Amino acid sequence: MEDVTYTKGIYTATAAVRPVDDGLYQGVVALARDDGDEQENTVYEVEATSATPEEALEEAKALAHRILGEIEF
């Protein structure tokens, strides 16, 4: 399953999926901030697990949209 990337200004959010215990999947979002001098990275996890990687990716994409939506310049 391919990662999905969103950009807002100097921020890039990458939604991805990782397998967890019991055959479940968890969505994760890596947020990168690149202001030219340095780059900061933060990883966010979707709280719930999903039965399929497709569901987990949808949850990660929703989290990425919420994170980028809260960023103000």
PDB file of N, CA and C in Angstrom:
ATOM      1  N   MET A   1       0.845  -1.172   0.000  1.00  0.00           N
ATOM      2  CA  MET A   1       0.000   0.000   0.000  1.00  0.00           C
ATOM      3  C   MET A   1       0.891   1.237   0.000  1.00  0.00           C
ATOM      4  N   GLU A   2       0.623   2.144  -0.899  1.00  0.00           N
ATOM      5  CA  GLU A   2       1.460   3.337  -1.032  1.00  0.00           C
ATOM      6  C   GLU A   2       1.060   4.428  -0.032  1.00  0.00           C
ATOM      7  N   ASP A   3       2.054   5.148   0.431  1.00  0.00           N
ATOM      8  CA  ASP A   3       1.813   6.283   1.313  1.00  0.00           C
ATOM      9  C   ASP A   3       1.155   7.404   0.523  1.00  0.00           C
ATOM     10  N   VAL A   4       0.445   8.284   1.246  1.00  0.00           N
ATOM     11  CA  VAL A   4      -0.212   9.430   0.626  1.00  0.00           C
ATOM     12  C   VAL A   4       0.375  10.684   1.258  1.00  0.00           C
ATOM     13  N   THR A   5       0.769  11.651   0.430  1.00  0.00           N
ATOM     14  CA  THR A   5       1.423  12.861   0.922  1.00  0.00           C
ATOM     15  C   THR A   5       0.577  14.087   0.630  1.00  0.00           C
ATOM     16  N   TYR A   6       0.473  14.961   1.646  1.00  0.00           N
ATOM     17  CA  TYR A   6      -0.226  16.240   1.527  1.00  0.00           C
ATOM     18  C   TYR A   6       0.740  17.338   1.937  1.00  0.00           C
ATOM     19  N   THR A   7       0.611  18.516   1.308  1.00  0.00           N
ATOM     20  CA  THR A   7       1.492  19.638   1.626  1.00  0.00           C
ATOM     21  C   THR A   7       0.675  20.887   1.891  1.00  0.00           C
ATOM     22  N   LYS A   8       1.115  21.645   2.898  1.00  0.00           N
ATOM     23  CA  LYS A   8       0.537  22.955   3.196  1.00  0.00           C
ATOM     24  C   LYS A   8       1.689  23.861   3.604  1.00  0.00           C
ATOM     25  N   GLY A   9       2.026  24.797   2.727  1.00  0.00           N
ATOM     26  CA  GLY A   9       3.148  25.694   2.997  1.00  0.00           C
ATOM     27  C   GLY A   9       4.439  24.910   3.162  1.00  0.00           C
ATOM     28  N   ILE A  10       5.089  25.090   4.320  1.00  0.00           N
ATOM     29  CA  ILE A  10       6.353  24.397   4.580  1.00  0.00           C
ATOM     30  C   ILE A  10       6.148  23.051   5.265  1.00  0.00           C
ATOM     31  N   TYR A  11       4.892  22.617   5.409  1.00  0.00           N
ATOM     32  CA  TYR A  11       4.581  21.362   6.083  1.00  0.00           C
ATOM     33  C   TYR A  11       4.201  20.279   5.084  1.00  0.00           C
ATOM     34  N   THR A  12       4.683  19.073   5.323  1.00  0.00           N
ATOM     35  CA  THR A  12       4.331  17.914   4.528  1.00  0.00           C
ATOM     36  C   THR A  12       3.882  16.813   5.474  1.00  0.00           C
ATOM     37  N   ALA A  13       2.670  16.313   5.247  1.00  0.00           N
ATOM     38  CA  ALA A  13       2.131  15.214   6.048  1.00  0.00           C
ATOM     39  C   ALA A  13       2.059  13.972   5.164  1.00  0.00           C
ATOM     40  N   THR A  14       2.650  12.894   5.641  1.00  0.00           N
ATOM     41  CA  THR A  14       2.639  11.633   4.901  1.00  0.00           C
ATOM     42  C   THR A  14       1.846  10.610   5.697  1.00  0.00           C
ATOM     43  N   ALA A  15       0.730  10.149   5.124  1.00  0.00           N
ATOM     44  CA  ALA A  15      -0.118   9.143   5.755  1.00  0.00           C
ATOM     45  C   ALA A  15       0.347   7.762   5.314  1.00  0.00           C
ATOM     46  N   ALA A  16       0.481   6.857   6.269  1.00  0.00           N
ATOM     47  CA  ALA A  16       0.962   5.506   5.978  1.00  0.00           C
ATOM     48  C   ALA A  16       0.262   4.511   6.897  1.00  0.00           C
ATOM     49  N   VAL A  17       0.534   3.234   6.671  1.00  0.00           N
ATOM     50  CA  VAL A  17      -0.068   2.153   7.452  1.00  0.00           C
ATOM     51  C   VAL A  17       1.033   1.244   7.958  1.00  0.00           C
ATOM     52  N   ARG A  18       0.861   0.754   9.182  1.00  0.00           N
ATOM     53  CA  ARG A  18       1.790  -0.249   9.688  1.00  0.00           C
ATOM     54  C   ARG A  18       0.991  -1.378  10.337  1.00  0.00           C
ATOM     55  N   PRO A  19       1.486  -2.601  10.193  1.00  0.00           N
ATOM     56  CA  PRO A  19       0.806  -3.726  10.838  1.00  0.00           C
ATOM     57  C   PRO A  19       1.075  -3.719  12.339  1.00  0.00           C
ATOM     58  N   VAL A  20       0.081  -4.124  13.111  1.00  0.00           N
ATOM     59  CA  VAL A  20       0.240  -4.268  14.562  1.00  0.00           C
ATOM     60  C   VAL A  20      -0.177  -5.686  14.941  1.00  0.00           C
ATOM     61  N   ASP A  21      -0.264  -5.968  16.207  1.00  0.00           N
ATOM     62  CA  ASP A  21      -0.583  -7.319  16.683  1.00  0.00           C
ATOM     63  C   ASP A  21      -1.943  -7.816  16.197  1.00  0.00           C
ATOM     64  N   ASP A  22      -2.091  -9.126  16.173  1.00  0.00           N
ATOM     65  CA  ASP A  22      -3.355  -9.803  15.871  1.00  0.00           C
ATOM     66  C   ASP A  22      -3.879  -9.536  14.471  1.00  0.00           C
ATOM     67  N   GLY A  23      -3.001  -9.239  13.514  1.00  0.00           N
ATOM     68  CA  GLY A  23      -3.440  -9.038  12.136  1.00  0.00           C
ATOM     69  C   GLY A  23      -4.169  -7.731  11.895  1.00  0.00           C
ATOM     70  N   LEU A  24      -4.037  -6.778  12.801  1.00  0.00           N
ATOM     71  CA  LEU A  24      -4.676  -5.472  12.648  1.00  0.00           C
ATOM     72  C   LEU A  24      -3.672  -4.470  12.081  1.00  0.00           C
ATOM     73  N   TYR A  25      -4.193  -3.298  11.714  1.00  0.00           N
ATOM     74  CA  TYR A  25      -3.358  -2.258  11.106  1.00  0.00           C
ATOM     75  C   TYR A  25      -3.619  -0.927  11.800  1.00  0.00           C
ATOM     76  N   GLN A  26      -2.603  -0.078  11.789  1.00  0.00           N
ATOM     77  CA  GLN A  26      -2.712   1.245  12.401  1.00  0.00           C
ATOM     78  C   GLN A  26      -2.228   2.289  11.410  1.00  0.00           C
ATOM     79  N   GLY A  27      -2.981   3.369  11.313  1.00  0.00           N
ATOM     80  CA  GLY A  27      -2.573   4.483  10.481  1.00  0.00           C
ATOM     81  C   GLY A  27      -1.607   5.380  11.233  1.00  0.00           C
ATOM     82  N   VAL A  28      -0.636   5.921  10.523  1.00  0.00           N
ATOM     83  CA  VAL A  28       0.333   6.849  11.105  1.00  0.00           C
ATOM     84  C   VAL A  28       0.532   8.022  10.146  1.00  0.00           C
ATOM     85  N   VAL A  29       0.887   9.165  10.723  1.00  0.00           N
ATOM     86  CA  VAL A  29       1.148  10.355   9.923  1.00  0.00           C
ATOM     87  C   VAL A  29       2.493  10.919  10.343  1.00  0.00           C
ATOM     88  N   ALA A  30       3.377  11.109   9.380  1.00  0.00           N
ATOM     89  CA  ALA A  30       4.660  11.761   9.623  1.00  0.00           C
ATOM     90  C   ALA A  30       4.537  13.196   9.134  1.00  0.00           C
ATOM     91  N   LEU A  31       4.700  14.147  10.042  1.00  0.00           N
ATOM     92  CA  LEU A  31       4.615  15.562   9.702  1.00  0.00           C
ATOM     93  C   LEU A  31       6.014  16.145   9.671  1.00  0.00           C
ATOM     94  N   ALA A  32       6.385  16.686   8.524  1.00  0.00           N
ATOM     95  CA  ALA A  32       7.707  17.305   8.365  1.00  0.00           C
ATOM     96  C   ALA A  32       7.531  18.800   8.167  1.00  0.00           C
ATOM     97  N   ARG A  33       8.371  19.574   8.835  1.00  0.00           N
ATOM     98  CA  ARG A  33       8.379  21.035   8.688  1.00  0.00           C
ATOM     99  C   ARG A  33       9.746  21.420   8.148  1.00  0.00           C
ATOM    100  N   ASP A  34       9.756  22.038   6.997  1.00  0.00           N
ATOM    101  CA  ASP A  34      11.009  22.413   6.354  1.00  0.00           C
ATOM    102  C   ASP A  34      11.031  23.923   6.157  1.00  0.00           C
ATOM    103  N   ASP A  35      11.767  24.615   7.031  1.00  0.00           N
ATOM    104  CA  ASP A  35      11.833  26.073   6.917  1.00  0.00           C
ATOM    105  C   ASP A  35      13.130  26.543   6.268  1.00  0.00           C
ATOM    106  N   GLY A  36      13.837  25.637   5.626  1.00  0.00           N
ATOM    107  CA  GLY A  36      15.063  26.010   4.915  1.00  0.00           C
ATOM    108  C   GLY A  36      16.315  25.766   5.724  1.00  0.00           C
ATOM    109  N   ASP A  37      16.332  26.192   6.978  1.00  0.00           N
ATOM    110  CA  ASP A  37      17.518  26.019   7.812  1.00  0.00           C
ATOM    111  C   ASP A  37      17.574  24.627   8.436  1.00  0.00           C
ATOM    112  N   GLU A  38      16.434  24.152   8.862  1.00  0.00           N
ATOM    113  CA  GLU A  38      16.381  22.845   9.505  1.00  0.00           C
ATOM    114  C   GLU A  38      15.045  22.191   9.217  1.00  0.00           C
ATOM    115  N   GLN A  39      14.997  20.891   9.415  1.00  0.00           N
ATOM    116  CA  GLN A  39      13.762  20.157   9.185  1.00  0.00           C
ATOM    117  C   GLN A  39      13.371  19.440  10.469  1.00  0.00           C
ATOM    118  N   GLU A  40      12.106  19.600  10.865  1.00  0.00           N
ATOM    119  CA  GLU A  40      11.585  18.932  12.047  1.00  0.00           C
ATOM    120  C   GLU A  40      10.607  17.859  11.601  1.00  0.00           C
ATOM    121  N   ASN A  41      10.628  16.715  12.278  1.00  0.00           N
ATOM    122  CA  ASN A  41       9.706  15.629  11.972  1.00  0.00           C
ATOM    123  C   ASN A  41       8.979  15.199  13.243  1.00  0.00           C
ATOM    124  N   THR A  42       7.676  14.966  13.112  1.00  0.00           N
ATOM    125  CA  THR A  42       6.859  14.469  14.208  1.00  0.00           C
ATOM    126  C   THR A  42       5.985  13.352  13.668  1.00  0.00           C
ATOM    127  N   VAL A  43       5.832  12.284  14.445  1.00  0.00           N
ATOM    128  CA  VAL A  43       4.984  11.169  14.028  1.00  0.00           C
ATOM    129  C   VAL A  43       3.743  11.131  14.913  1.00  0.00           C
ATOM    130  N   TYR A  44       2.575  11.027  14.273  1.00  0.00           N
ATOM    131  CA  TYR A  44       1.295  10.916  14.956  1.00  0.00           C
ATOM    132  C   TYR A  44       0.697   9.560  14.630  1.00  0.00           C
ATOM    133  N   GLU A  45       0.036   8.949  15.602  1.00  0.00           N
ATOM    134  CA  GLU A  45      -0.596   7.657  15.398  1.00  0.00           C
ATOM    135  C   GLU A  45      -2.110   7.790  15.510  1.00  0.00           C
ATOM    136  N   VAL A  46      -2.819   7.091  14.642  1.00  0.00           N
ATOM    137  CA  VAL A  46      -4.270   6.991  14.780  1.00  0.00           C
ATOM    138  C   VAL A  46      -4.520   6.145  16.023  1.00  0.00           C
ATOM    139  N   GLU A  47      -5.431   6.576  16.889  1.00  0.00           N
ATOM    140  CA  GLU A  47      -5.647   5.871  18.149  1.00  0.00           C
ATOM    141  C   GLU A  47      -6.201   4.468  17.956  1.00  0.00           C
ATOM    142  N   ALA A  48      -7.146   4.303  17.050  1.00  0.00           N
ATOM    143  CA  ALA A  48      -7.793   3.011  16.845  1.00  0.00           C
ATOM    144  C   ALA A  48      -7.033   2.175  15.822  1.00  0.00           C
ATOM    145  N   THR A  49      -7.193   0.875  15.920  1.00  0.00           N
ATOM    146  CA  THR A  49      -6.650  -0.023  14.910  1.00  0.00           C
ATOM    147  C   THR A  49      -7.767  -0.402  13.944  1.00  0.00           C
ATOM    148  N   SER A  50      -7.389  -0.902  12.784  1.00  0.00           N
ATOM    149  CA  SER A  50      -8.344  -1.261  11.736  1.00  0.00           C
ATOM    150  C   SER A  50      -8.114  -2.693  11.290  1.00  0.00           C
ATOM    151  N   ALA A  51      -9.160  -3.284  10.739  1.00  0.00           N
ATOM    152  CA  ALA A  51      -9.086  -4.674  10.292  1.00  0.00           C
ATOM    153  C   ALA A  51      -8.352  -4.824   8.966  1.00  0.00           C
ATOM    154  N   THR A  52      -8.343  -3.761   8.156  1.00  0.00           N
ATOM    155  CA  THR A  52      -7.691  -3.837   6.847  1.00  0.00           C
ATOM    156  C   THR A  52      -6.739  -2.662   6.675  1.00  0.00           C
ATOM    157  N   PRO A  53      -5.740  -2.827   5.823  1.00  0.00           N
ATOM    158  CA  PRO A  53      -4.830  -1.700   5.575  1.00  0.00           C
ATOM    159  C   PRO A  53      -5.542  -0.530   4.894  1.00  0.00           C
ATOM    160  N   GLU A  54      -6.553  -0.807   4.094  1.00  0.00           N
ATOM    161  CA  GLU A  54      -7.293   0.276   3.427  1.00  0.00           C
ATOM    162  C   GLU A  54      -8.015   1.156   4.442  1.00  0.00           C
ATOM    163  N   GLU A  55      -8.643   0.527   5.434  1.00  0.00           N
ATOM    164  CA  GLU A  55      -9.321   1.297   6.489  1.00  0.00           C
ATOM    165  C   GLU A  55      -8.315   2.120   7.288  1.00  0.00           C
ATOM    166  N   ALA A  56      -7.185   1.519   7.609  1.00  0.00           N
ATOM    167  CA  ALA A  56      -6.152   2.223   8.376  1.00  0.00           C
ATOM    168  C   ALA A  56      -5.616   3.416   7.600  1.00  0.00           C
ATOM    169  N   LEU A  57      -5.452   3.262   6.282  1.00  0.00           N
ATOM    170  CA  LEU A  57      -4.974   4.380   5.471  1.00  0.00           C
ATOM    171  C   LEU A  57      -6.003   5.501   5.432  1.00  0.00           C
ATOM    172  N   GLU A  58      -7.274   5.162   5.339  1.00  0.00           N
ATOM    173  CA  GLU A  58      -8.320   6.192   5.354  1.00  0.00           C
ATOM    174  C   GLU A  58      -8.288   6.969   6.668  1.00  0.00           C
ATOM    175  N   GLU A  59      -8.082   6.272   7.775  1.00  0.00           N
ATOM    176  CA  GLU A  59      -7.975   6.936   9.084  1.00  0.00           C
ATOM    177  C   GLU A  59      -6.735   7.836   9.131  1.00  0.00           C
ATOM    178  N   ALA A  60      -5.633   7.375   8.578  1.00  0.00           N
ATOM    179  CA  ALA A  60      -4.405   8.173   8.560  1.00  0.00           C
ATOM    180  C   ALA A  60      -4.577   9.409   7.684  1.00  0.00           C
ATOM    181  N   LYS A  61      -5.253   9.271   6.561  1.00  0.00           N
ATOM    182  CA  LYS A  61      -5.498  10.419   5.682  1.00  0.00           C
ATOM    183  C   LYS A  61      -6.364  11.452   6.389  1.00  0.00           C
ATOM    184  N   ALA A  62      -7.380  10.993   7.117  1.00  0.00           N
ATOM    185  CA  ALA A  62      -8.235  11.919   7.863  1.00  0.00           C
ATOM    186  C   ALA A  62      -7.432  12.648   8.936  1.00  0.00           C
ATOM    187  N   LEU A  63      -6.545  11.927   9.621  1.00  0.00           N
ATOM    188  CA  LEU A  63      -5.694  12.552  10.638  1.00  0.00           C
ATOM    189  C   LEU A  63      -4.756  13.573  10.004  1.00  0.00           C
ATOM    190  N   ALA A  64      -4.188  13.256   8.860  1.00  0.00           N
ATOM    191  CA  ALA A  64      -3.302  14.200   8.175  1.00  0.00           C
ATOM    192  C   ALA A  64      -4.051  15.479   7.823  1.00  0.00           C
ATOM    193  N   HIS A  65      -5.283  15.353   7.346  1.00  0.00           N
ATOM    194  CA  HIS A  65      -6.088  16.536   7.009  1.00  0.00           C
ATOM    195  C   HIS A  65      -6.373  17.372   8.265  1.00  0.00           C
ATOM    196  N   ARG A  66      -6.685  16.707   9.390  1.00  0.00           N
ATOM    197  CA  ARG A  66      -6.947  17.452  10.616  1.00  0.00           C
ATOM    198  C   ARG A  66      -5.695  18.193  11.078  1.00  0.00           C
ATOM    199  N   ILE A  67      -4.554  17.529  11.036  1.00  0.00           N
ATOM    200  CA  ILE A  67      -3.296  18.147  11.483  1.00  0.00           C
ATOM    201  C   ILE A  67      -2.974  19.371  10.620  1.00  0.00           C
ATOM    202  N   LEU A  68      -3.025  19.207   9.308  1.00  0.00           N
ATOM    203  CA  LEU A  68      -2.705  20.328   8.428  1.00  0.00           C
ATOM    204  C   LEU A  68      -3.745  21.438   8.540  1.00  0.00           C
ATOM    205  N   GLY A  69      -4.991  21.081   8.802  1.00  0.00           N
ATOM    206  CA  GLY A  69      -6.043  22.076   8.955  1.00  0.00           C
ATOM    207  C   GLY A  69      -5.858  22.951  10.181  1.00  0.00           C
ATOM    208  N   GLU A  70      -5.186  22.440  11.200  1.00  0.00           N
ATOM    209  CA  GLU A  70      -4.964  23.191  12.434  1.00  0.00           C
ATOM    210  C   GLU A  70      -3.743  24.115  12.358  1.00  0.00           C
ATOM    211  N   ILE A  71      -2.930  23.952  11.333  1.00  0.00           N
ATOM    212  CA  ILE A  71      -1.720  24.775  11.200  1.00  0.00           C
ATOM    213  C   ILE A  71      -2.082  26.158  10.676  1.00  0.00           C
ATOM    214  N   GLU A  72      -1.595  27.170  11.384  1.00  0.00           N
ATOM    215  CA  GLU A  72      -1.798  28.550  10.951  1.00  0.00           C
ATOM    216  C   GLU A  72      -0.445  29.183  10.647  1.00  0.00           C
ATOM    217  N   PHE A  73      -0.446  30.043   9.665  1.00  0.00           N
ATOM    218  CA  PHE A  73       0.793  30.728   9.291  1.00  0.00           C
ATOM    219  C   PHE A  73       0.831  32.116   9.862  1.00  0.00           C
TER     220      PHE A  73
END
